[in-house]
N, C-alpha and C. Protein backbone atom coordinates (compact mmCIF):
# COMPACT_ATOMS: atom_id res chain seq x y z
N MET A 1 78.71 100.79 92.43
CA MET A 1 79.62 100.67 91.31
C MET A 1 79.69 99.21 90.89
N SER A 2 79.68 98.97 89.63
CA SER A 2 79.75 97.59 89.16
C SER A 2 81.20 97.13 89.08
N LEU A 3 81.33 95.83 88.97
CA LEU A 3 82.65 95.23 88.82
C LEU A 3 83.36 95.80 87.59
N LEU A 4 82.62 96.03 86.53
CA LEU A 4 83.24 96.55 85.31
C LEU A 4 83.79 97.96 85.53
N LEU A 5 83.08 98.78 86.30
CA LEU A 5 83.59 100.11 86.60
C LEU A 5 84.83 100.00 87.49
N GLY A 6 84.87 98.98 88.34
CA GLY A 6 86.05 98.75 89.17
C GLY A 6 87.29 98.44 88.36
N LEU A 7 87.09 97.93 87.15
CA LEU A 7 88.22 97.64 86.26
C LEU A 7 88.58 98.83 85.36
N ALA A 8 87.90 99.96 85.53
CA ALA A 8 88.14 101.15 84.70
C ALA A 8 89.60 101.63 84.73
N PRO A 9 90.29 101.61 85.88
CA PRO A 9 91.70 102.04 85.85
C PRO A 9 92.55 101.18 84.90
N PHE A 10 92.23 99.90 84.80
CA PHE A 10 92.99 99.01 83.91
C PHE A 10 92.67 99.33 82.46
N VAL A 11 91.43 99.68 82.19
CA VAL A 11 91.05 100.07 80.83
C VAL A 11 91.79 101.34 80.44
N VAL A 12 91.83 102.32 81.33
CA VAL A 12 92.56 103.56 81.07
C VAL A 12 94.04 103.26 80.83
N PHE A 13 94.61 102.43 81.69
CA PHE A 13 96.02 102.08 81.52
C PHE A 13 96.28 101.46 80.16
N PHE A 14 95.49 100.45 79.80
CA PHE A 14 95.74 99.74 78.54
C PHE A 14 95.43 100.62 77.33
N ALA A 15 94.51 101.57 77.47
CA ALA A 15 94.21 102.47 76.35
C ALA A 15 95.34 103.48 76.12
N LEU A 16 96.02 103.88 77.19
CA LEU A 16 97.04 104.92 77.07
C LEU A 16 98.48 104.40 76.99
N MET A 17 98.69 103.12 77.27
CA MET A 17 100.06 102.62 77.37
C MET A 17 100.86 102.74 76.08
N ARG A 18 100.22 102.70 74.93
CA ARG A 18 100.96 102.82 73.67
C ARG A 18 101.37 104.26 73.40
N ILE A 19 100.71 105.20 74.05
CA ILE A 19 101.08 106.61 73.90
C ILE A 19 102.26 106.94 74.81
N SER A 20 102.11 106.58 76.10
CA SER A 20 103.15 106.85 77.08
C SER A 20 102.90 106.01 78.33
N ILE A 21 103.92 105.30 78.78
CA ILE A 21 103.80 104.50 80.00
C ILE A 21 103.47 105.40 81.19
N SER A 22 104.17 106.51 81.29
CA SER A 22 103.94 107.42 82.42
C SER A 22 102.51 107.97 82.40
N LEU A 23 102.07 108.42 81.24
CA LEU A 23 100.70 108.92 81.12
C LEU A 23 99.69 107.84 81.48
N ALA A 24 99.93 106.62 81.00
CA ALA A 24 99.02 105.51 81.28
C ALA A 24 98.95 105.22 82.78
N LEU A 25 100.11 105.20 83.44
CA LEU A 25 100.13 104.90 84.88
C LEU A 25 99.49 106.02 85.69
N TRP A 26 99.82 107.27 85.38
CA TRP A 26 99.23 108.39 86.12
C TRP A 26 97.73 108.51 85.84
N GLY A 27 97.33 108.25 84.59
CA GLY A 27 95.89 108.27 84.26
C GLY A 27 95.13 107.18 85.01
N ALA A 28 95.70 105.98 85.05
CA ALA A 28 95.06 104.88 85.77
C ALA A 28 95.02 105.18 87.27
N PHE A 29 96.09 105.77 87.80
CA PHE A 29 96.11 106.14 89.21
C PHE A 29 95.01 107.16 89.51
N ALA A 30 94.87 108.16 88.64
CA ALA A 30 93.85 109.19 88.86
C ALA A 30 92.44 108.58 88.85
N VAL A 31 92.17 107.70 87.90
CA VAL A 31 90.86 107.06 87.83
C VAL A 31 90.64 106.17 89.05
N ALA A 32 91.64 105.40 89.44
CA ALA A 32 91.53 104.53 90.61
C ALA A 32 91.28 105.35 91.87
N PHE A 33 92.01 106.43 92.03
CA PHE A 33 91.86 107.28 93.21
C PHE A 33 90.46 107.90 93.24
N MET A 34 90.00 108.40 92.09
CA MET A 34 88.68 109.01 92.02
C MET A 34 87.59 108.01 92.39
N LEU A 35 87.66 106.80 91.82
CA LEU A 35 86.65 105.78 92.11
C LEU A 35 86.70 105.36 93.57
N CYS A 36 87.90 105.20 94.09
CA CYS A 36 88.07 104.78 95.48
C CYS A 36 87.47 105.82 96.43
N ILE A 37 87.81 107.06 96.25
CA ILE A 37 87.30 108.14 97.11
C ILE A 37 85.79 108.29 96.95
N ARG A 38 85.31 108.25 95.72
CA ARG A 38 83.87 108.40 95.48
C ARG A 38 83.08 107.30 96.18
N ASP A 39 83.51 106.08 96.01
CA ASP A 39 82.77 104.96 96.60
C ASP A 39 82.94 104.90 98.11
N PHE A 40 84.12 105.21 98.61
CA PHE A 40 84.33 105.20 100.04
C PHE A 40 83.49 106.28 100.72
N SER A 41 83.42 107.46 100.12
CA SER A 41 82.62 108.54 100.72
C SER A 41 81.13 108.23 100.65
N ARG A 42 80.72 107.47 99.64
CA ARG A 42 79.31 107.10 99.47
C ARG A 42 78.91 105.95 100.36
N THR A 43 79.78 104.93 100.49
CA THR A 43 79.40 103.71 101.20
C THR A 43 80.15 103.49 102.51
N GLY A 44 81.28 104.13 102.69
CA GLY A 44 82.10 103.88 103.86
C GLY A 44 82.87 102.57 103.77
N ILE A 45 82.85 101.93 102.60
CA ILE A 45 83.53 100.66 102.39
C ILE A 45 84.72 100.89 101.45
N LEU A 46 85.87 100.37 101.86
CA LEU A 46 87.06 100.43 101.01
C LEU A 46 87.24 99.05 100.40
N ARG A 47 86.95 98.96 99.11
CA ARG A 47 87.04 97.66 98.42
C ARG A 47 88.49 97.29 98.15
N ALA A 48 88.74 95.98 98.19
CA ALA A 48 90.09 95.48 97.96
C ALA A 48 90.60 95.88 96.58
N LEU A 49 89.76 95.74 95.57
CA LEU A 49 90.18 96.07 94.21
C LEU A 49 90.48 97.56 94.09
N ASP A 50 89.65 98.41 94.68
CA ASP A 50 89.87 99.86 94.62
C ASP A 50 91.18 100.25 95.30
N ALA A 51 91.36 99.77 96.53
CA ALA A 51 92.58 100.10 97.28
C ALA A 51 93.81 99.53 96.56
N GLY A 52 93.69 98.31 96.05
CA GLY A 52 94.79 97.70 95.33
C GLY A 52 95.18 98.49 94.09
N CYS A 53 94.18 98.99 93.37
CA CYS A 53 94.46 99.79 92.16
C CYS A 53 95.17 101.10 92.51
N VAL A 54 94.71 101.76 93.56
CA VAL A 54 95.35 103.02 93.96
C VAL A 54 96.81 102.76 94.31
N LEU A 55 97.05 101.75 95.13
CA LEU A 55 98.43 101.43 95.51
C LEU A 55 99.27 101.00 94.31
N LEU A 56 98.74 100.09 93.52
CA LEU A 56 99.47 99.56 92.37
C LEU A 56 99.87 100.66 91.40
N PHE A 57 98.90 101.44 90.94
CA PHE A 57 99.21 102.45 89.93
C PHE A 57 100.01 103.61 90.52
N GLY A 58 99.77 103.94 91.78
CA GLY A 58 100.57 105.00 92.42
C GLY A 58 102.03 104.60 92.53
N ILE A 59 102.27 103.38 93.02
CA ILE A 59 103.65 102.91 93.18
C ILE A 59 104.35 102.78 91.83
N LEU A 60 103.65 102.20 90.85
CA LEU A 60 104.27 102.05 89.52
C LEU A 60 104.53 103.40 88.86
N ALA A 61 103.61 104.36 89.02
CA ALA A 61 103.81 105.68 88.43
C ALA A 61 105.03 106.36 89.07
N LEU A 62 105.14 106.28 90.38
CA LEU A 62 106.29 106.87 91.06
C LEU A 62 107.59 106.16 90.67
N TYR A 63 107.55 104.83 90.63
CA TYR A 63 108.74 104.05 90.28
C TYR A 63 109.23 104.39 88.88
N THR A 64 108.33 104.36 87.90
CA THR A 64 108.77 104.64 86.53
C THR A 64 109.13 106.11 86.33
N GLY A 65 108.56 106.98 87.15
CA GLY A 65 108.87 108.40 87.02
C GLY A 65 110.17 108.80 87.68
N PHE A 66 110.53 108.12 88.78
CA PHE A 66 111.68 108.58 89.56
C PHE A 66 112.81 107.57 89.71
N VAL A 67 112.55 106.29 89.44
CA VAL A 67 113.59 105.29 89.64
C VAL A 67 114.08 104.73 88.32
N GLN A 68 113.19 104.07 87.60
CA GLN A 68 113.60 103.43 86.36
C GLN A 68 112.40 103.28 85.43
N MET A 69 112.60 103.66 84.18
CA MET A 69 111.53 103.49 83.19
C MET A 69 111.45 102.01 82.84
N LEU A 70 110.25 101.48 82.82
CA LEU A 70 110.02 100.08 82.47
C LEU A 70 109.46 99.99 81.06
N THR A 71 109.65 98.83 80.44
CA THR A 71 109.07 98.62 79.12
C THR A 71 107.58 98.32 79.26
N ILE A 72 106.87 98.39 78.16
CA ILE A 72 105.43 98.09 78.18
C ILE A 72 105.18 96.67 78.68
N PRO A 73 105.87 95.65 78.17
CA PRO A 73 105.63 94.31 78.70
C PRO A 73 105.93 94.17 80.20
N GLU A 74 106.97 94.86 80.67
CA GLU A 74 107.29 94.80 82.11
C GLU A 74 106.18 95.43 82.95
N VAL A 75 105.68 96.56 82.51
CA VAL A 75 104.60 97.22 83.25
C VAL A 75 103.32 96.39 83.18
N ARG A 76 103.03 95.84 82.02
CA ARG A 76 101.85 94.98 81.90
C ARG A 76 101.96 93.79 82.84
N PHE A 77 103.14 93.20 82.94
CA PHE A 77 103.35 92.09 83.85
C PHE A 77 103.10 92.53 85.30
N ALA A 78 103.64 93.68 85.67
CA ALA A 78 103.45 94.19 87.03
C ALA A 78 101.97 94.45 87.32
N VAL A 79 101.28 95.04 86.37
CA VAL A 79 99.86 95.35 86.55
C VAL A 79 99.02 94.08 86.62
N ASP A 80 99.15 93.24 85.62
CA ASP A 80 98.33 92.02 85.58
C ASP A 80 98.71 91.04 86.69
N GLY A 81 100.00 90.94 86.99
CA GLY A 81 100.44 90.08 88.08
C GLY A 81 99.93 90.56 89.43
N SER A 82 99.94 91.87 89.63
CA SER A 82 99.43 92.43 90.88
C SER A 82 97.94 92.22 91.01
N LEU A 83 97.22 92.40 89.93
CA LEU A 83 95.77 92.17 90.00
C LEU A 83 95.47 90.70 90.26
N ALA A 84 96.22 89.82 89.62
CA ALA A 84 96.05 88.38 89.89
C ALA A 84 96.31 88.10 91.37
N PHE A 85 97.35 88.72 91.92
CA PHE A 85 97.66 88.54 93.34
C PHE A 85 96.52 89.03 94.22
N ILE A 86 95.97 90.21 93.94
CA ILE A 86 94.86 90.77 94.72
C ILE A 86 93.67 89.81 94.69
N ILE A 87 93.37 89.30 93.52
CA ILE A 87 92.21 88.42 93.37
C ILE A 87 92.44 87.09 94.08
N VAL A 88 93.61 86.50 93.90
CA VAL A 88 93.92 85.24 94.58
C VAL A 88 93.95 85.45 96.10
N ALA A 89 94.50 86.56 96.54
CA ALA A 89 94.53 86.85 97.98
C ALA A 89 93.12 86.97 98.54
N SER A 90 92.21 87.55 97.77
CA SER A 90 90.82 87.65 98.25
C SER A 90 90.21 86.26 98.42
N LEU A 91 90.57 85.34 97.55
CA LEU A 91 90.10 83.95 97.71
C LEU A 91 90.75 83.30 98.92
N ALA A 92 92.05 83.51 99.10
CA ALA A 92 92.76 82.91 100.23
C ALA A 92 92.24 83.44 101.57
N MET A 93 91.80 84.68 101.58
CA MET A 93 91.27 85.28 102.81
C MET A 93 89.77 84.97 102.98
N ARG A 94 89.26 84.15 102.07
CA ARG A 94 87.85 83.74 102.11
C ARG A 94 86.90 84.94 102.00
N ALA A 95 87.31 85.89 101.18
CA ALA A 95 86.52 87.09 100.94
C ALA A 95 86.62 87.45 99.46
N PRO A 96 85.99 86.65 98.57
CA PRO A 96 86.11 86.91 97.13
C PRO A 96 85.81 88.37 96.80
N PHE A 97 86.66 88.96 95.99
CA PHE A 97 86.51 90.39 95.71
C PHE A 97 85.19 90.72 95.03
N THR A 98 84.56 89.77 94.36
CA THR A 98 83.29 90.05 93.67
C THR A 98 82.13 90.27 94.64
N VAL A 99 82.26 89.79 95.88
CA VAL A 99 81.17 89.94 96.85
C VAL A 99 80.83 91.40 97.06
N GLN A 100 81.84 92.25 97.15
CA GLN A 100 81.60 93.67 97.40
C GLN A 100 80.79 94.32 96.28
N TYR A 101 80.93 93.83 95.09
CA TYR A 101 80.17 94.36 93.96
C TYR A 101 78.80 93.70 93.87
N ALA A 102 78.75 92.40 94.14
CA ALA A 102 77.49 91.66 94.05
C ALA A 102 76.48 92.16 95.08
N LYS A 103 76.96 92.58 96.23
CA LYS A 103 76.04 93.06 97.27
C LYS A 103 75.30 94.32 96.85
N GLU A 104 75.83 95.04 95.88
CA GLU A 104 75.15 96.23 95.37
C GLU A 104 73.97 95.87 94.47
N GLN A 105 73.97 94.64 93.95
CA GLN A 105 72.96 94.26 92.97
C GLN A 105 72.02 93.16 93.45
N VAL A 106 72.32 92.59 94.60
CA VAL A 106 71.54 91.47 95.11
C VAL A 106 70.96 91.87 96.46
N PRO A 107 69.68 91.61 96.70
CA PRO A 107 69.08 91.94 97.99
C PRO A 107 69.81 91.24 99.15
N SER A 108 69.86 91.89 100.29
CA SER A 108 70.61 91.36 101.44
C SER A 108 70.09 90.01 101.91
N ASP A 109 68.85 89.66 101.59
CA ASP A 109 68.29 88.35 101.96
C ASP A 109 69.11 87.20 101.37
N PHE A 110 69.78 87.44 100.26
CA PHE A 110 70.52 86.38 99.55
C PHE A 110 72.00 86.29 99.94
N TRP A 111 72.53 87.29 100.66
CA TRP A 111 73.96 87.37 100.90
C TRP A 111 74.54 86.16 101.63
N ALA A 112 73.78 85.55 102.49
CA ALA A 112 74.29 84.42 103.27
C ALA A 112 73.94 83.07 102.66
N THR A 113 73.28 83.08 101.51
CA THR A 113 72.87 81.81 100.91
C THR A 113 74.06 81.10 100.27
N PRO A 114 74.03 79.78 100.25
CA PRO A 114 75.12 79.04 99.59
C PRO A 114 75.26 79.40 98.11
N LEU A 115 74.15 79.69 97.44
CA LEU A 115 74.20 80.05 96.02
C LEU A 115 74.97 81.35 95.82
N PHE A 116 74.71 82.35 96.64
CA PHE A 116 75.40 83.64 96.54
C PHE A 116 76.90 83.45 96.79
N ILE A 117 77.22 82.73 97.85
CA ILE A 117 78.62 82.52 98.22
C ILE A 117 79.35 81.72 97.14
N ARG A 118 78.75 80.63 96.69
CA ARG A 118 79.37 79.79 95.66
C ARG A 118 79.56 80.57 94.36
N THR A 119 78.57 81.37 94.00
CA THR A 119 78.66 82.17 92.77
C THR A 119 79.84 83.13 92.83
N ASN A 120 80.03 83.78 93.97
CA ASN A 120 81.13 84.73 94.08
C ASN A 120 82.49 84.05 94.11
N TYR A 121 82.57 82.88 94.70
CA TYR A 121 83.82 82.12 94.62
C TYR A 121 84.11 81.74 93.16
N MET A 122 83.08 81.30 92.46
CA MET A 122 83.26 80.89 91.06
C MET A 122 83.71 82.07 90.20
N LEU A 123 83.02 83.20 90.31
CA LEU A 123 83.37 84.36 89.49
C LEU A 123 84.76 84.89 89.83
N THR A 124 85.09 84.92 91.10
CA THR A 124 86.42 85.38 91.50
C THR A 124 87.50 84.43 90.97
N ALA A 125 87.23 83.14 91.03
CA ALA A 125 88.20 82.16 90.51
C ALA A 125 88.40 82.33 89.01
N VAL A 126 87.33 82.58 88.28
CA VAL A 126 87.43 82.77 86.83
C VAL A 126 88.30 84.00 86.53
N TRP A 127 88.07 85.10 87.25
CA TRP A 127 88.87 86.30 87.03
C TRP A 127 90.33 86.07 87.45
N ALA A 128 90.55 85.29 88.50
CA ALA A 128 91.91 84.97 88.92
C ALA A 128 92.64 84.22 87.82
N VAL A 129 91.99 83.21 87.25
CA VAL A 129 92.60 82.44 86.17
C VAL A 129 92.89 83.34 84.97
N ALA A 130 91.95 84.21 84.63
CA ALA A 130 92.14 85.10 83.49
C ALA A 130 93.36 86.00 83.70
N PHE A 131 93.51 86.55 84.89
CA PHE A 131 94.65 87.43 85.13
C PHE A 131 95.96 86.66 85.31
N ILE A 132 95.88 85.45 85.79
CA ILE A 132 97.10 84.62 85.86
C ILE A 132 97.59 84.30 84.45
N ILE A 133 96.68 83.95 83.56
CA ILE A 133 97.04 83.68 82.16
C ILE A 133 97.63 84.94 81.52
N THR A 134 96.97 86.06 81.74
CA THR A 134 97.44 87.32 81.18
C THR A 134 98.82 87.68 81.73
N ALA A 135 99.01 87.53 83.03
CA ALA A 135 100.30 87.84 83.65
C ALA A 135 101.40 86.91 83.12
N ALA A 136 101.07 85.64 82.92
CA ALA A 136 102.05 84.69 82.38
C ALA A 136 102.45 85.09 80.96
N ALA A 137 101.48 85.49 80.16
CA ALA A 137 101.79 85.95 78.80
C ALA A 137 102.65 87.21 78.84
N ASP A 138 102.30 88.13 79.75
CA ASP A 138 103.09 89.36 79.90
C ASP A 138 104.52 89.05 80.32
N ALA A 139 104.67 88.10 81.26
CA ALA A 139 106.01 87.72 81.72
C ALA A 139 106.83 87.14 80.57
N ALA A 140 106.20 86.31 79.78
CA ALA A 140 106.91 85.71 78.64
C ALA A 140 107.36 86.79 77.67
N ALA A 141 106.50 87.75 77.39
CA ALA A 141 106.86 88.83 76.46
C ALA A 141 107.92 89.75 77.06
N ALA A 142 107.88 89.95 78.38
CA ALA A 142 108.84 90.85 79.02
C ALA A 142 110.22 90.21 79.16
N PHE A 143 110.24 88.92 79.49
CA PHE A 143 111.51 88.28 79.84
C PHE A 143 112.05 87.32 78.78
N ASP A 144 111.24 87.04 77.76
CA ASP A 144 111.69 86.17 76.66
C ASP A 144 111.10 86.68 75.34
N PRO A 145 111.39 87.94 75.00
CA PRO A 145 110.77 88.54 73.81
C PRO A 145 111.19 87.88 72.50
N ALA A 146 112.26 87.12 72.52
CA ALA A 146 112.69 86.43 71.30
C ALA A 146 111.72 85.32 70.92
N HIS A 147 111.05 84.76 71.91
CA HIS A 147 110.14 83.64 71.65
C HIS A 147 108.66 83.99 71.76
N VAL A 148 108.35 85.07 72.48
CA VAL A 148 106.95 85.48 72.65
C VAL A 148 106.84 86.95 72.27
N SER A 149 106.12 87.20 71.21
CA SER A 149 106.00 88.58 70.73
C SER A 149 104.98 89.34 71.58
N PHE A 150 105.13 90.65 71.61
CA PHE A 150 104.20 91.48 72.35
C PHE A 150 102.77 91.37 71.80
N PRO A 151 102.58 91.37 70.46
CA PRO A 151 101.21 91.21 69.95
C PRO A 151 100.56 89.88 70.38
N LEU A 152 101.35 88.81 70.45
CA LEU A 152 100.81 87.54 70.93
C LEU A 152 100.41 87.66 72.40
N CYS A 153 101.23 88.31 73.18
CA CYS A 153 100.94 88.55 74.59
C CYS A 153 99.61 89.31 74.74
N VAL A 154 99.44 90.35 73.97
CA VAL A 154 98.20 91.14 74.02
C VAL A 154 97.01 90.29 73.60
N ALA A 155 97.17 89.49 72.56
CA ALA A 155 96.08 88.63 72.08
C ALA A 155 95.67 87.62 73.15
N ILE A 156 96.64 87.02 73.81
CA ILE A 156 96.34 86.05 74.87
C ILE A 156 95.62 86.73 76.02
N GLY A 157 96.12 87.88 76.44
CA GLY A 157 95.49 88.63 77.53
C GLY A 157 94.07 89.07 77.19
N THR A 158 93.90 89.56 75.97
CA THR A 158 92.58 90.00 75.54
C THR A 158 91.60 88.83 75.51
N ALA A 159 92.05 87.71 74.98
CA ALA A 159 91.18 86.52 74.93
C ALA A 159 90.78 86.08 76.34
N ALA A 160 91.73 86.08 77.27
CA ALA A 160 91.43 85.68 78.65
C ALA A 160 90.42 86.62 79.29
N MET A 161 90.56 87.92 79.05
CA MET A 161 89.63 88.89 79.61
C MET A 161 88.23 88.77 79.00
N VAL A 162 88.18 88.54 77.70
CA VAL A 162 86.87 88.38 77.03
C VAL A 162 86.16 87.14 77.56
N VAL A 163 86.89 86.06 77.71
CA VAL A 163 86.29 84.83 78.24
C VAL A 163 85.77 85.07 79.66
N ALA A 164 86.57 85.72 80.50
CA ALA A 164 86.14 86.01 81.88
C ALA A 164 84.91 86.91 81.90
N PHE A 165 84.90 87.91 81.05
CA PHE A 165 83.76 88.83 80.99
C PHE A 165 82.49 88.11 80.54
N VAL A 166 82.59 87.36 79.45
CA VAL A 166 81.42 86.64 78.93
C VAL A 166 80.92 85.63 79.96
N PHE A 167 81.84 84.91 80.59
CA PHE A 167 81.44 83.95 81.61
C PHE A 167 80.72 84.65 82.75
N THR A 168 81.26 85.78 83.21
CA THR A 168 80.65 86.53 84.30
C THR A 168 79.23 86.94 83.97
N VAL A 169 79.03 87.50 82.80
CA VAL A 169 77.70 87.95 82.39
C VAL A 169 76.73 86.78 82.30
N ARG A 170 77.13 85.73 81.64
CA ARG A 170 76.23 84.59 81.44
C ARG A 170 75.98 83.83 82.74
N TYR A 171 77.01 83.58 83.50
CA TYR A 171 76.85 82.82 84.75
C TYR A 171 75.98 83.59 85.74
N ALA A 172 76.23 84.90 85.84
CA ALA A 172 75.42 85.72 86.75
C ALA A 172 73.95 85.71 86.34
N ALA A 173 73.68 85.73 85.04
CA ALA A 173 72.29 85.69 84.57
C ALA A 173 71.63 84.36 84.94
N VAL A 174 72.36 83.26 84.78
CA VAL A 174 71.82 81.94 85.13
C VAL A 174 71.53 81.87 86.62
N VAL A 175 72.45 82.35 87.43
CA VAL A 175 72.27 82.30 88.88
C VAL A 175 71.11 83.19 89.32
N ARG A 176 71.00 84.37 88.73
CA ARG A 176 69.89 85.27 89.08
C ARG A 176 68.56 84.59 88.74
N LYS A 177 68.53 83.90 87.62
CA LYS A 177 67.30 83.20 87.23
C LYS A 177 66.99 82.08 88.22
N GLN A 178 68.01 81.31 88.61
CA GLN A 178 67.83 80.23 89.59
C GLN A 178 67.30 80.77 90.92
N ALA A 179 67.79 81.93 91.31
CA ALA A 179 67.41 82.52 92.59
C ALA A 179 66.09 83.28 92.51
N GLY A 180 65.54 83.43 91.32
CA GLY A 180 64.30 84.17 91.15
C GLY A 180 64.47 85.67 91.26
N LEU A 181 65.68 86.14 90.99
CA LEU A 181 65.96 87.58 91.03
C LEU A 181 65.75 88.18 89.65
N PRO A 182 65.36 89.46 89.59
CA PRO A 182 65.19 90.09 88.28
C PRO A 182 66.53 90.19 87.55
N GLN A 183 66.48 90.07 86.25
CA GLN A 183 67.69 90.18 85.45
C GLN A 183 68.07 91.64 85.34
N ILE A 184 69.37 91.88 85.30
CA ILE A 184 69.88 93.24 85.14
C ILE A 184 70.84 93.27 83.96
N GLY A 185 71.08 94.45 83.44
CA GLY A 185 72.00 94.60 82.32
C GLY A 185 73.42 94.36 82.74
N TRP A 186 74.28 93.93 81.83
CA TRP A 186 75.68 93.65 82.14
C TRP A 186 76.44 94.92 82.52
N PHE A 187 75.92 96.07 82.15
CA PHE A 187 76.62 97.33 82.39
C PHE A 187 76.45 97.83 83.80
N ARG A 188 75.65 97.20 84.65
CA ARG A 188 75.42 97.68 86.01
C ARG A 188 76.51 97.27 86.93
């Protein structure tokens, strides 16, 4: 599974959130659970991002369903802030979350090389910054809506994600070329 497929629960959440927060959270939970189980049964590896998504969307779906309904900006803050935490925690534990995805696309001969390790730290750091920016924008919209509009929050988050995505695709292509590895499509 590629890193982009790992972000599918977030895509489902953001696509459905304007229809219904509950539907968006339960839909994202279902996608996260399906991906987690599929990949774990195939590889025997439980990825941090997969497990984090299952827990995050499951807890938020239960909370908003049975405890208190949250606003869209509040839920976005919880989602983006939690993902930023998962990514930063993977860096702090010296296990960048991108490694688990990169190992699917890079021959095992390269896994211990400084280039492979440095590349995964760089990509993980870029995604961490993107989600920290997005979470900060979400927090501003949730807790200070008089000064930060929701559309501005969405624009900031979208821009951060696009920058992270473009950087990931381009940087990975440069590194693959440096390492003499065949180029692959961004969709893998």
